[in-house]
Protein backbone atom coordinates (compact mmCIF):
# COMPACT_ATOMS: atom_id res chain seq x y z
CA MET A 1 -17.84 -12.69 26.06
CA THR A 2 -16.88 -15.69 28.19
CA VAL A 3 -16.89 -19.42 27.48
CA ALA A 4 -16.89 -22.00 30.25
CA ALA A 5 -13.66 -23.96 29.95
CA ALA A 6 -15.48 -27.15 30.89
CA ASP A 7 -17.69 -26.78 27.81
CA ALA A 8 -14.82 -26.17 25.37
CA ALA A 9 -12.90 -28.85 23.48
CA GLU A 10 -9.13 -29.04 23.56
CA ALA A 11 -6.92 -29.46 20.51
CA ARG A 12 -4.03 -31.90 20.85
CA LEU A 13 -1.20 -32.11 18.33
CA GLY A 14 1.89 -33.78 19.70
CA GLU A 15 2.83 -31.84 22.79
CA HIS A 16 0.70 -28.86 21.77
CA ARG A 17 -2.65 -28.27 23.49
CA SER A 18 -4.99 -25.32 23.04
CA TYR A 19 -8.54 -24.00 23.10
CA ASP A 20 -9.43 -22.31 19.79
CA PHE A 21 -12.39 -20.09 18.92
CA LEU A 22 -13.64 -18.07 15.95
CA LEU A 23 -15.82 -15.06 16.72
CA ASN A 24 -17.82 -13.45 13.91
CA GLY A 25 -20.02 -10.44 14.40
CA GLU A 26 -22.33 -8.05 12.60
CA VAL A 27 -23.76 -4.71 13.62
CA LEU A 28 -27.05 -3.76 11.93
CA ARG A 29 -28.61 -0.33 11.89
CA ASP A 30 -32.20 -0.10 10.71
CA GLY A 31 -31.79 -3.59 9.29
CA VAL A 32 -28.77 -2.59 7.17
CA LEU A 33 -25.26 -3.94 7.77
CA PHE A 34 -23.24 -1.20 9.49
CA ASP A 35 -20.12 -3.12 10.62
CA SER A 36 -18.78 -6.66 10.47
CA PHE A 37 -15.81 -8.19 12.23
CA ARG A 38 -13.94 -11.42 12.76
CA TYR A 39 -11.52 -12.50 15.48
CA LYS A 40 -9.63 -15.69 16.29
CA PHE A 41 -8.67 -16.63 19.84
CA ASP A 42 -6.24 -19.29 21.08
CA PHE A 43 -5.80 -20.20 24.74
CA PRO A 44 -3.10 -22.54 26.04
CA PRO A 45 -3.71 -24.84 29.01
CA GLY A 46 -3.16 -22.89 32.20
CA ALA A 47 -4.26 -19.59 30.63
CA PRO A 48 -5.70 -17.01 33.07
CA GLY A 49 -9.26 -17.93 33.91
CA GLU A 50 -9.10 -21.44 32.45
CA LYS A 51 -10.49 -23.05 35.57
CA ALA A 52 -13.71 -21.04 35.23
CA THR A 53 -14.09 -19.15 31.95
CA LEU A 54 -12.15 -18.22 28.83
CA PRO A 55 -12.53 -14.51 27.94
CA LEU A 56 -13.15 -13.54 24.30
CA VAL A 57 -12.47 -9.81 24.42
CA PHE A 58 -13.27 -7.57 21.45
CA GLU A 59 -14.15 -3.91 21.00
CA ARG A 60 -15.70 -1.92 18.15
CA TRP A 61 -16.24 1.81 17.74
CA LEU A 62 -19.78 2.96 16.95
CA ARG A 63 -21.44 6.32 16.58
CA PRO A 64 -24.32 7.10 18.95
CA GLY A 65 -27.57 5.37 17.93
CA ASP A 66 -29.59 2.18 18.13
CA TYR A 67 -28.19 -1.01 16.62
CA THR A 68 -28.67 -4.77 16.54
CA LEU A 69 -25.61 -6.80 17.51
CA VAL A 70 -25.24 -10.34 16.15
CA VAL A 71 -22.35 -12.46 17.43
CA LYS A 72 -21.54 -16.07 16.54
CA VAL A 73 -18.85 -18.04 18.39
CA GLU A 74 -17.49 -21.32 17.02
CA ASP A 75 -15.46 -23.78 19.06
CA VAL A 76 -13.04 -24.84 16.32
CA ASN A 77 -12.11 -28.09 18.06
CA SER A 78 -15.62 -29.42 18.73
CA GLY A 79 -17.68 -27.61 16.11
CA LYS A 80 -20.05 -26.26 18.76
CA LEU A 81 -21.73 -22.98 17.85
CA PHE A 82 -23.23 -20.18 19.90
CA ARG A 83 -25.23 -17.30 18.42
CA VAL A 84 -26.73 -14.29 20.11
CA GLU A 85 -28.71 -11.37 18.69
CA GLN A 86 -29.57 -8.43 20.88
CA PRO A 87 -30.35 -4.70 20.69
CA LEU A 88 -27.50 -2.33 21.38
CA ALA A 89 -27.94 1.33 22.35
CA VAL A 90 -24.88 3.57 22.04
CA PRO A 91 -25.40 6.80 24.00
CA ALA A 92 -23.98 10.17 23.14
CA VAL A 93 -21.06 10.81 25.49
CA GLU A 94 -20.15 14.33 26.47
CA ARG A 95 -17.00 15.44 28.23
CA ASP A 96 -17.33 15.53 32.02
CA MET A 97 -20.58 13.57 31.71
CA PRO A 98 -21.05 11.38 34.82
CA ALA A 99 -20.93 7.65 34.22
CA ALA A 100 -24.32 6.12 33.57
CA ARG A 101 -25.69 3.88 36.28
CA PRO A 102 -26.27 0.27 35.27
CA GLU A 103 -29.88 -0.72 34.95
CA THR A 104 -29.24 -3.99 36.79
CA PRO A 105 -26.93 -4.68 39.74
CA ALA A 106 -23.41 -5.67 38.77
CA THR A 107 -22.52 -9.31 39.28
CA PRO A 108 -19.22 -10.41 40.83
CA GLU A 109 -18.11 -11.40 37.32
CA ASP A 110 -18.91 -7.89 36.03
CA ILE A 111 -16.89 -6.31 38.84
CA GLU A 112 -13.92 -8.61 38.27
CA ARG A 113 -14.02 -8.00 34.50
CA ALA A 114 -14.11 -4.23 35.01
CA ARG A 115 -11.15 -4.41 37.38
CA LEU A 116 -9.15 -6.65 35.07
CA LEU A 117 -9.66 -4.45 31.98
CA ALA A 118 -9.60 -1.04 33.68
CA GLU A 119 -6.31 0.03 32.06
CA ALA A 120 -7.38 -1.23 28.64
CA ASN A 121 -10.71 0.60 28.87
CA SER A 122 -8.98 3.85 29.79
CA ALA A 123 -6.80 3.52 26.70
CA ILE A 124 -9.88 2.93 24.53
CA THR A 125 -11.39 6.12 25.91
CA ALA A 126 -8.31 8.09 24.92
CA ILE A 127 -8.08 6.56 21.42
CA VAL A 128 -11.69 7.17 20.41
CA GLY A 129 -11.46 10.76 21.56
CA LEU A 130 -13.85 10.74 24.51
CA GLU A 131 -11.14 12.60 26.37
CA THR A 132 -11.03 15.71 24.21
CA ASP A 133 -7.90 16.93 25.98
CA ALA A 134 -5.99 13.70 25.36
CA PRO A 135 -2.49 14.65 24.11
CA GLY A 136 -1.56 13.82 20.53
CA VAL A 137 1.15 14.61 17.98
CA HIS A 138 1.26 14.29 14.18
CA ILE A 139 4.17 14.81 11.78
CA VAL A 140 3.09 16.62 8.63
CA PRO A 141 4.44 14.65 5.63
CA PRO A 142 6.56 16.68 3.17
CA GLN A 143 5.43 17.19 -0.39
CA GLY A 144 7.04 15.22 -3.21
CA GLU A 145 9.17 12.10 -3.31
CA MET A 146 12.92 11.47 -3.05
CA GLN A 147 13.55 13.79 -0.12
CA THR A 148 17.19 14.92 -0.11
CA GLY A 149 19.28 17.80 1.23
CA MET A 150 17.92 20.15 3.90
CA VAL A 151 14.27 19.45 4.70
CA ARG A 152 12.11 21.15 7.33
CA LEU A 153 9.43 19.01 8.97
CA GLU A 154 6.76 20.09 11.44
CA ALA A 155 4.84 18.24 14.16
CA VAL A 156 1.34 19.40 15.12
CA THR A 157 0.21 18.76 18.70
CA SER A 158 -3.21 18.59 20.31
CA GLY A 159 -4.60 18.18 23.81
CA ALA A 160 -3.30 19.30 27.19
CA GLY A 161 -0.18 18.62 29.22
CA ILE A 162 2.45 18.69 26.44
CA ALA A 163 5.60 20.43 27.66
CA ALA A 164 7.92 19.62 24.73
CA VAL A 165 8.34 17.63 21.53
CA THR A 166 11.46 15.52 21.01
CA PHE A 167 12.57 14.49 17.52
CA THR A 168 14.68 11.41 16.80
CA LEU A 169 16.00 10.38 13.38
CA ASP A 170 16.78 6.69 12.84
CA GLY A 171 16.73 6.18 16.61
CA LYS A 172 19.14 9.03 17.43
CA PRO A 173 17.96 12.20 19.26
CA VAL A 174 18.01 15.28 17.04
CA LEU A 175 16.18 18.13 18.78
CA THR A 176 13.82 18.96 21.66
CA LYS A 177 11.55 22.00 21.36
CA LYS A 178 9.60 23.40 24.30
CA LYS A 179 7.27 25.71 22.41
CA PRO A 180 5.59 25.89 18.98
CA PRO A 181 6.28 25.70 16.16
CA PHE A 182 7.47 22.17 16.80
CA SER A 183 9.62 21.88 13.69
CA VAL A 184 13.01 20.43 12.88
CA GLU A 185 15.40 20.96 9.97
CA LEU A 186 17.17 17.81 8.81
CA ASP A 187 20.04 17.18 6.43
CA LEU A 188 18.92 14.02 4.62
CA GLY A 189 22.03 13.82 2.46
CA PRO A 190 22.51 14.02 -1.31
CA ILE A 191 20.72 10.74 -2.20
CA PRO A 192 17.29 9.54 -1.01
CA HIS A 193 17.91 6.99 1.76
CA THR A 194 15.00 5.59 3.76
CA ARG A 195 14.93 7.43 7.10
CA THR A 196 12.59 7.19 10.09
CA LEU A 197 11.59 10.33 11.99
CA VAL A 198 9.80 10.06 15.35
CA ALA A 199 8.20 12.98 17.18
CA ALA A 200 7.41 12.30 20.85
CA ALA A 201 5.22 14.63 22.92
CA VAL A 202 6.38 14.63 26.55
CA GLY A 203 4.94 16.06 29.74
CA ALA A 204 6.57 18.28 32.36
CA ASP A 205 7.98 15.18 34.09
CA GLY A 206 9.62 13.98 30.86
CA ALA A 207 7.21 11.07 30.41
CA GLU A 208 6.08 10.35 26.86
CA LEU A 209 2.42 11.24 26.27
CA ALA A 210 2.10 10.43 22.56
CA HIS A 211 4.28 9.89 19.51
CA ASP A 212 4.10 9.74 15.74
CA ARG A 213 6.40 8.11 13.20
CA LEU A 214 7.10 9.12 9.60
CA VAL A 215 9.12 7.05 7.16
CA LEU A 216 10.84 9.21 4.54
CA ASN A 217 11.70 7.93 1.07
CA SER A 218 9.73 4.71 1.42
CA ALA A 219 8.55 4.86 -2.24
CA GLY A 220 5.13 3.46 -1.36
CA HIS A 221 6.36 -0.12 -0.89
CA ARG A 222 6.99 -0.12 2.82
CA PHE A 223 5.36 -2.94 4.76
CA ARG A 224 5.44 -2.36 8.48
CA VAL A 225 3.50 -2.71 11.70
CA SER A 226 4.12 -0.47 14.68
CA LEU A 227 2.81 -0.79 18.24
CA LEU A 228 1.53 2.58 19.42
CA GLU A 229 0.40 0.91 22.65
CA PRO A 230 1.94 -0.38 24.86
CA ARG A 231 4.59 2.31 25.13
CA ARG A 232 8.21 1.68 25.94
CA GLY A 233 9.05 2.70 29.48
CA LYS A 234 5.44 2.86 30.72
CA ARG A 235 4.34 0.49 33.50
CA TYR A 236 1.25 -1.71 33.21
CA THR A 237 -0.36 -3.82 35.91
CA GLY A 238 -3.71 -5.50 35.19
CA SER A 239 -4.32 -4.91 31.48
CA LEU A 240 -3.50 -2.81 28.44
CA LEU A 241 -4.93 -1.99 25.04
CA ALA A 242 -2.61 -3.23 22.32
CA HIS A 243 -2.93 -0.69 19.50
CA ALA A 244 -1.06 -1.40 16.26
CA GLU A 245 -0.67 0.67 13.13
CA ALA A 246 -0.19 -1.37 9.95
CA GLU A 247 0.98 -0.08 6.58
CA ALA A 248 0.82 -2.21 3.43
CA PRO A 249 2.76 -1.65 0.20
CA GLU A 250 0.99 0.15 -2.61
CA GLY A 251 -1.52 -2.16 -4.26
CA GLU A 252 -1.47 -4.64 -1.36
CA GLU A 253 -3.59 -4.94 1.77
CA VAL A 254 -3.08 -6.19 5.30
CA ALA A 255 -4.86 -9.54 5.62
CA ARG A 256 -4.62 -9.85 9.40
CA VAL A 257 -2.72 -8.75 12.49
CA GLU A 258 -1.87 -11.17 15.29
CA ILE A 259 -1.36 -9.90 18.84
CA TYR A 260 0.89 -11.89 21.18
CA LEU A 261 1.60 -11.66 24.90
CA ASP A 262 5.07 -13.17 25.18
CA GLU A 263 4.83 -16.09 22.70
CA GLN A 264 1.13 -16.76 23.31
CA ARG A 265 -1.18 -15.48 20.61
CA VAL A 266 -3.94 -13.45 22.26
CA ALA A 267 -6.07 -12.67 19.20
CA THR A 268 -6.07 -12.49 15.42
CA LEU A 269 -7.60 -9.33 13.93
CA PHE A 270 -8.86 -9.37 10.36
CA GLN A 271 -9.64 -5.68 9.84
CA PRO A 272 -8.84 -2.34 11.48
CA PRO A 273 -8.87 -0.95 14.05
CA TRP A 274 -5.88 -3.11 14.98
CA THR A 275 -6.62 -2.87 18.70
CA GLN A 276 -7.03 -5.61 21.29
CA PRO A 277 -7.45 -5.50 25.08
CA VAL A 278 -4.89 -7.76 26.75
CA ALA A 279 -5.12 -9.07 30.33
CA LEU A 280 -1.67 -9.26 31.96
CA PRO A 281 -0.24 -11.78 34.41
CA PRO A 282 -0.55 -10.68 38.06
CA GLY A 283 2.26 -8.89 39.84
CA GLY A 284 3.34 -6.47 37.11
CA GLN A 285 6.11 -8.83 36.01
CA MET A 286 8.21 -8.29 32.90
CA ALA A 287 6.66 -9.47 29.61
CA TYR A 288 6.41 -8.34 26.02
CA VAL A 289 3.68 -7.64 23.48
CA ARG A 290 4.24 -8.51 19.84
CA ALA A 291 2.19 -7.51 16.79
CA VAL A 292 2.63 -9.48 13.55
CA ALA A 293 1.02 -8.20 10.33
CA TYR A 294 0.44 -10.39 7.26
CA LEU A 295 -0.24 -9.59 3.61
CA THR A 296 -2.53 -11.74 1.50
CA ASP A 297 0.50 -13.52 -0.03
CA GLY A 298 1.72 -14.61 3.42
CA SER A 299 4.49 -12.03 3.83
CA SER A 300 4.83 -10.80 7.40
CA THR A 301 6.46 -8.13 9.52
CA GLU A 302 6.39 -7.49 13.26
CA ASP A 303 7.01 -5.09 16.13
CA LEU A 304 7.73 -5.86 19.78
CA VAL A 305 7.56 -3.83 23.00
CA PHE A 306 8.82 -4.96 26.42
CA LEU A 307 6.54 -4.33 29.40
CA ASN A 308 7.68 -3.32 32.87
CA ALA A 309 11.31 -3.80 31.90
CA PRO A 310 14.10 -2.69 34.26
CA GLU A 311 15.83 0.56 33.39
CA ASN A 312 19.10 -1.24 32.69
CA LEU A 313 17.54 -3.56 30.10
CA GLU A 314 19.59 -3.58 26.90
CA GLU A 315 18.05 -4.46 23.55
CA MET A 316 20.53 -5.88 21.06
CA HIS A 317 19.89 -5.64 17.33
CA VAL A 318 21.15 -8.73 15.52
CA ASP A 319 21.47 -8.55 11.73
CA LEU A 320 20.21 -11.51 9.71
CA VAL A 321 21.88 -10.98 6.35
CA GLU A 322 20.22 -12.30 3.18
CA LEU A 323 22.37 -12.92 0.13
CA HIS A 324 20.84 -13.71 -3.26
CA ALA A 325 23.59 -15.48 -5.15
CA THR A 326 24.06 -16.81 -8.67
CA VAL A 327 26.48 -19.71 -9.16
CA LEU A 328 27.88 -20.31 -12.66
CA ASP A 329 30.11 -23.03 -14.08
CA ARG A 330 33.01 -22.44 -16.48
CA ASP A 331 30.57 -22.23 -19.41
CA GLY A 332 28.43 -19.60 -17.69
CA HIS A 333 25.55 -21.95 -16.91
CA PRO A 334 23.71 -21.83 -13.54
CA VAL A 335 24.70 -24.64 -11.16
CA PRO A 336 21.81 -26.35 -9.31
CA GLY A 337 21.74 -28.62 -6.24
CA LEU A 338 24.21 -26.81 -3.95
CA THR A 339 23.92 -26.74 -0.15
CA ALA A 340 25.36 -24.65 2.67
CA ARG A 341 28.44 -26.89 2.72
CA ASP A 342 29.28 -25.70 -0.80
CA PHE A 343 29.80 -22.08 0.36
CA THR A 344 31.90 -20.05 2.76
CA VAL A 345 31.06 -16.50 3.76
CA ARG A 346 33.14 -13.83 5.44
CA GLU A 347 32.08 -10.40 6.64
CA ASP A 348 34.88 -7.85 6.94
CA GLY A 349 37.25 -10.83 6.84
CA ARG A 350 35.57 -12.73 9.70
CA PRO A 351 34.07 -16.18 9.00
CA GLN A 352 30.27 -16.38 9.37
CA GLU A 353 28.06 -19.41 9.95
CA ILE A 354 25.48 -19.99 7.22
CA ALA A 355 22.02 -20.47 8.74
CA ARG A 356 20.09 -21.25 5.54
CA CYS A 357 20.79 -22.08 1.92
CA GLU A 358 17.97 -22.74 -0.53
CA THR A 359 17.01 -22.03 -4.13
CA VAL A 360 14.62 -19.19 -4.92
CA ALA A 361 12.86 -20.82 -7.88
CA ASP A 362 9.41 -20.48 -6.28
CA ARG A 363 9.99 -17.28 -4.32
CA PRO A 364 8.31 -14.01 -5.41
CA LEU A 365 10.43 -11.84 -7.72
CA HIS A 366 10.31 -8.06 -8.15
CA ALA A 367 11.96 -6.98 -11.41
CA ALA A 368 12.18 -3.64 -13.18
CA VAL A 369 13.17 -3.19 -16.82
CA ALA A 370 14.84 0.20 -17.28
CA ILE A 371 15.07 0.80 -21.03
CA ASP A 372 16.96 3.61 -22.74
CA VAL A 373 14.71 5.62 -25.09
CA SER A 374 17.16 8.39 -25.96
CA ALA A 375 17.49 9.53 -29.56
CA SER A 376 20.41 7.18 -30.27
CA MET A 377 18.14 4.15 -29.55
CA ASP A 378 15.89 4.87 -32.53
CA LYS A 379 17.01 1.89 -34.65
CA SER A 380 17.33 -0.52 -31.70
CA LEU A 381 14.14 0.33 -29.78
CA ALA A 382 11.80 -2.14 -31.51
CA ALA A 383 14.12 -5.08 -30.78
CA ALA A 384 14.51 -3.91 -27.17
CA GLN A 385 10.74 -3.72 -26.72
CA GLN A 386 10.18 -7.21 -28.11
CA ALA A 387 12.97 -8.72 -25.99
CA ALA A 388 11.64 -7.09 -22.81
CA LEU A 389 8.12 -8.32 -23.53
CA ARG A 390 9.34 -11.90 -24.00
CA PHE A 391 11.19 -11.59 -20.71
CA PHE A 392 7.96 -10.63 -18.93
CA GLN A 393 6.01 -13.41 -20.64
CA ALA A 394 8.57 -16.05 -19.66
CA THR A 395 9.31 -14.79 -16.15
CA ILE A 396 6.30 -13.25 -14.42
CA ARG A 397 4.21 -15.61 -12.32
CA PRO A 398 1.19 -14.82 -10.10
CA LYS A 399 3.33 -13.90 -7.06
CA ASP A 400 5.90 -11.94 -9.10
CA ARG A 401 5.81 -8.21 -9.87
CA ALA A 402 7.49 -6.24 -12.64
CA ALA A 403 7.76 -2.59 -13.63
CA VAL A 404 8.68 -0.65 -16.78
CA ILE A 405 10.91 2.43 -16.50
CA PRO A 406 11.82 4.10 -19.83
CA PHE A 407 14.40 6.88 -19.63
CA ASN A 408 16.03 9.52 -21.79
CA ASP A 409 16.96 12.87 -20.20
CA HIS A 410 14.85 11.78 -17.20
CA PRO A 411 13.40 8.45 -15.99
CA THR A 412 9.64 7.76 -16.03
CA LEU A 413 7.66 5.12 -14.16
CA ALA A 414 5.53 3.87 -17.08
CA VAL A 415 4.10 0.80 -15.29
CA LYS A 416 4.14 0.27 -11.53
CA PHE A 417 4.86 -3.15 -10.05
CA THR A 418 2.26 -5.57 -11.40
CA ASN A 419 1.89 -9.18 -12.54
CA ASP A 420 -0.37 -8.11 -15.41
CA VAL A 421 1.67 -8.87 -18.53
CA THR A 422 -0.83 -6.98 -20.67
CA ALA A 423 -0.23 -3.82 -18.62
CA LEU A 424 3.52 -4.34 -18.88
CA ALA A 425 3.21 -4.72 -22.66
CA GLY A 426 1.24 -1.47 -22.73
CA GLY A 427 4.09 0.29 -20.94
CA LEU A 428 6.55 -0.94 -23.54
CA ALA A 429 4.36 -0.01 -26.50
CA GLY A 430 4.36 3.46 -27.97
CA LEU A 431 7.81 4.45 -26.71
CA LYS A 432 9.61 7.07 -28.77
CA ALA A 433 13.38 7.52 -28.98
CA GLU A 434 14.30 11.16 -28.33
CA ARG A 435 16.53 13.51 -26.31
CA GLY A 436 19.58 12.58 -24.20
CA THR A 437 20.57 9.97 -21.60
CA ALA A 438 20.28 10.54 -17.82
CA LEU A 439 21.83 7.22 -16.84
CA TYR A 440 22.88 8.03 -13.25
CA ASP A 441 19.52 9.62 -12.44
CA THR A 442 17.83 6.48 -13.75
CA ILE A 443 19.96 4.22 -11.55
CA VAL A 444 19.04 6.23 -8.46
CA PHE A 445 15.38 6.61 -9.44
CA THR A 446 14.92 2.90 -10.15
CA LEU A 447 16.69 1.81 -6.96
CA TYR A 448 14.62 4.31 -5.01
CA TYR A 449 11.46 2.73 -6.41
CA PHE A 450 12.52 -0.56 -4.77
CA ASN A 451 12.64 1.02 -1.30
CA GLY A 452 10.59 -1.11 1.08
CA VAL A 453 10.46 -4.12 -1.28
CA LYS A 454 11.91 -7.27 0.30
CA GLY A 455 13.03 -10.57 -1.14
CA GLN A 456 14.46 -11.27 -4.59
CA ARG A 457 14.85 -8.01 -6.50
CA ALA A 458 16.46 -7.27 -9.86
CA ILE A 459 16.91 -4.43 -12.34
CA LEU A 460 17.54 -5.03 -16.02
CA LEU A 461 19.23 -1.83 -17.22
CA LEU A 462 19.64 -1.35 -20.97
CA SER A 463 21.48 1.63 -22.47
CA ASP A 464 23.43 2.44 -25.60
CA GLY A 465 25.19 5.56 -24.41
CA LYS A 466 27.05 7.40 -21.66
CA ASP A 467 25.43 9.67 -19.12
CA GLU A 468 24.46 13.17 -20.26
CA GLY A 469 23.48 15.76 -17.68
CA SER A 470 22.26 13.74 -14.71
CA ARG A 471 21.48 15.51 -11.44
CA PHE A 472 23.26 12.74 -9.50
CA THR A 473 26.93 11.88 -10.00
CA TRP A 474 28.41 8.48 -10.77
CA GLU A 475 29.85 8.26 -7.24
CA GLN A 476 26.41 8.91 -5.75
CA ALA A 477 24.76 6.38 -8.05
CA ILE A 478 27.22 3.57 -7.28
CA GLU A 479 27.06 4.30 -3.55
CA PHE A 480 23.27 4.20 -3.64
CA ALA A 481 23.46 0.88 -5.49
CA ARG A 482 25.70 -0.57 -2.76
CA ARG A 483 23.18 0.47 -0.11
CA ALA A 484 20.09 -0.74 -1.95
CA GLY A 485 20.95 -4.43 -2.18
CA VAL A 486 19.16 -4.85 -5.53
CA THR A 487 20.77 -7.06 -8.18
CA ILE A 488 21.49 -5.08 -11.36
CA TYR A 489 21.96 -6.70 -14.77
CA ALA A 490 23.60 -4.05 -16.95
CA ILE A 491 23.27 -4.38 -20.71
CA GLY A 492 25.43 -2.13 -22.89
CA LEU A 493 24.42 -1.86 -26.55
CA GLY A 494 26.94 -0.52 -29.09
CA ASP A 495 30.35 1.08 -28.71
CA GLU A 496 29.39 4.32 -26.96
CA VAL A 497 28.64 2.81 -23.53
CA ASP A 498 30.98 3.15 -20.55
CA LYS A 499 31.80 -0.54 -20.13
CA ARG A 500 33.89 0.01 -17.01
CA LYS A 501 31.09 1.69 -15.08
CA LEU A 502 28.38 -0.73 -16.18
CA ALA A 503 30.59 -3.69 -15.25
CA ARG A 504 31.28 -2.24 -11.81
CA LEU A 505 27.58 -1.57 -11.26
CA ALA A 506 26.80 -5.23 -11.93
CA GLU A 507 29.73 -6.54 -9.86
CA GLU A 508 28.88 -4.45 -6.79
CA THR A 509 25.28 -5.68 -6.78
CA GLY A 510 25.78 -9.35 -7.62
CA GLY A 511 24.51 -9.06 -11.19
CA HIS A 512 26.05 -9.52 -14.61
CA ALA A 513 27.19 -7.11 -17.30
CA PHE A 514 26.56 -7.88 -20.98
CA PHE A 515 27.95 -5.97 -23.96
CA LEU A 516 26.69 -6.46 -27.51
CA ARG A 517 26.58 -4.65 -30.83
CA ASP A 518 23.55 -6.23 -32.50
CA PRO A 519 20.15 -5.55 -30.87
CA ALA A 520 19.00 -8.93 -32.20
CA GLU A 521 21.11 -10.48 -29.42
CA LEU A 522 18.93 -8.88 -26.72
CA ALA A 523 16.39 -11.72 -26.71
CA GLY A 524 19.11 -14.22 -25.80
CA ILE A 525 20.49 -11.93 -23.09
CA TYR A 526 17.09 -11.50 -21.46
CA GLU A 527 16.53 -15.27 -21.62
CA ARG A 528 19.86 -15.89 -19.89
CA ILE A 529 19.00 -13.38 -17.17
CA GLN A 530 15.65 -15.11 -16.66
CA ARG A 531 17.42 -18.48 -16.16
CA GLU A 532 19.87 -16.97 -13.69
CA LEU A 533 17.13 -15.32 -11.65
CA ARG A 534 15.22 -18.59 -11.31
CA ALA A 535 18.37 -20.49 -10.33
CA GLN A 536 19.60 -18.14 -7.59
CA TYR A 537 20.34 -19.26 -4.06
CA LEU A 538 19.13 -17.51 -0.91
CA ILE A 539 21.87 -17.69 1.72
CA ASP A 540 21.27 -16.37 5.24
CA TYR A 541 23.73 -15.81 8.04
CA GLN A 542 23.53 -14.05 11.38
CA SER A 543 26.19 -11.38 11.45
CA THR A 544 28.63 -11.62 14.35
CA ASN A 545 29.08 -7.85 14.19
CA THR A 546 26.88 -6.40 16.98
CA SER A 547 28.54 -2.98 17.12
CA GLY A 548 25.55 -1.19 15.63
CA ALA A 549 27.87 0.99 13.55
CA GLY A 550 26.49 2.07 10.20
CA ALA A 551 29.69 1.62 8.18
CA PHE A 552 29.77 -0.51 5.03
CA ARG A 553 30.37 -4.20 5.73
CA ALA A 554 32.22 -6.12 3.04
CA VAL A 555 30.86 -9.59 2.22
CA ASP A 556 32.90 -12.32 0.53
CA LEU A 557 30.89 -15.39 -0.56
CA GLN A 558 32.98 -18.14 -2.12
CA PRO A 559 32.29 -21.67 -3.42
CA THR A 560 34.12 -24.60 -1.87
CA ARG A 561 34.20 -26.40 -5.24
CA ARG A 562 36.67 -25.53 -7.96
CA GLY A 563 35.53 -24.20 -11.30
CA LEU A 564 32.52 -22.30 -9.94
CA GLU A 565 31.88 -18.56 -9.89
CA VAL A 566 29.58 -16.92 -7.31
CA LYS A 567 27.92 -13.57 -7.94
CA THR A 568 26.33 -11.67 -5.05
CA VAL A 569 26.51 -8.24 -3.44
CA ARG A 570 29.94 -7.02 -2.38
CA GLY A 571 28.58 -5.89 0.98
CA TYR A 572 25.83 -3.98 2.75
CA TYR A 573 25.05 -1.16 5.16
CA PRO A 574 23.33 -2.32 8.39
């Protein structure tokens, strides 16, 4: 659809000027709603076509048949409305079927629109499968969670013209196979790190025809958006079809996806397919397309692809490091009101400049209570259950999430992340103390469950005994904790716990270790942890280390005032 620029109102806010439109549509079939959609468009002054018309480009996929299309356009700045209702016939399209002739002669505007969006339209044809020989590749996900050790993964291809499949793991080439089966055997290591496998189908000339991406060990909480189109290294001239794939964490949903050309927002999409035709500046000049996905709580993630970039273009990854820190005075009380000037931070001994320092009192919290239910906890379990419940009641707010993980000779996810305190209470109720203590397995399992979760994260780990028969070793558990970046509060109950290991676990992750004999003290411990979590500081700095090496980077955060103690992670893996 097009809107005459002369008829549109312009928004002015300071130096900002824009044309803004909302487009809502419905597709009816036999009088019944078949599809509905909503888009938002923003055009800056000087946008292509401003002197004549502003293009509102959208596309929907429909099965062959007869429909009624209803579209309403609102000029946000003037309140003007336009509504159109018209019949829509979608023909059956067969391969090699000649293009249908238009019933009316094409206007100059029709010809120009077809030329401008020719590349985007060809991409649509490939995506919806009208080209049955269009090349494609799909990685078959492995069965089970916590993938470790040697794992064989297979990619299935379709269509014509595929000469080989190239596998890369975490951005590094692994294997190229020129004939089926297109499979690769990977050593994922002894503990379940998050890894990204990409399979790219290439033609005889080495050009990429299609690709697929699989994230291993994401634990269902990964929030990502990935641009499948445009492709890196491919040249575009007049237009392209931006095609994004968005993945929301378990129990969440993607609220919208914004598509940008350079820093200008082209469209806002409110439901899949996350595809949007984009008209490019003339001359095939260098630009970039960016897709930004949002959850309903406002969290966002993005992906970016450069267009028509020179072969010698270098992309530099810059690490923005987030530190969640607790500051205590000599009496162990949280210290409020500090600013960036009250801290110094060093990474591998090199001073870093703090970019942000703020409290996290109103930021979403993800917390897991891992509670020992081995046989030795029989007399202490009731007090532990009550203390954990009071922690949930006092801590969990609408944007927060908590989980319950009881463990004996193996850990169990009793309640997934939720803000429903009643559900959390149900996970705590009915627990029975029996069997042994798999402490190291529980540390790894609980940290693994946090994979993909961002922001303030904490584990409250309660145990009254030493490890008995875990699959993972202590060295693997502590190394996994260093990589995970999740704050662990370790609570040792009684005299049989390994105080040295629990204390190190808390120190490495920026938490606190507590040791007590009387289970009646648990309520006070949980209350203290709740106060510390709500008084933490979020400190950001941009790492000066641009080497890209994956070695552990030691972090030293110190207060500039005397008499204060700062607790945060000892370091991180980039």
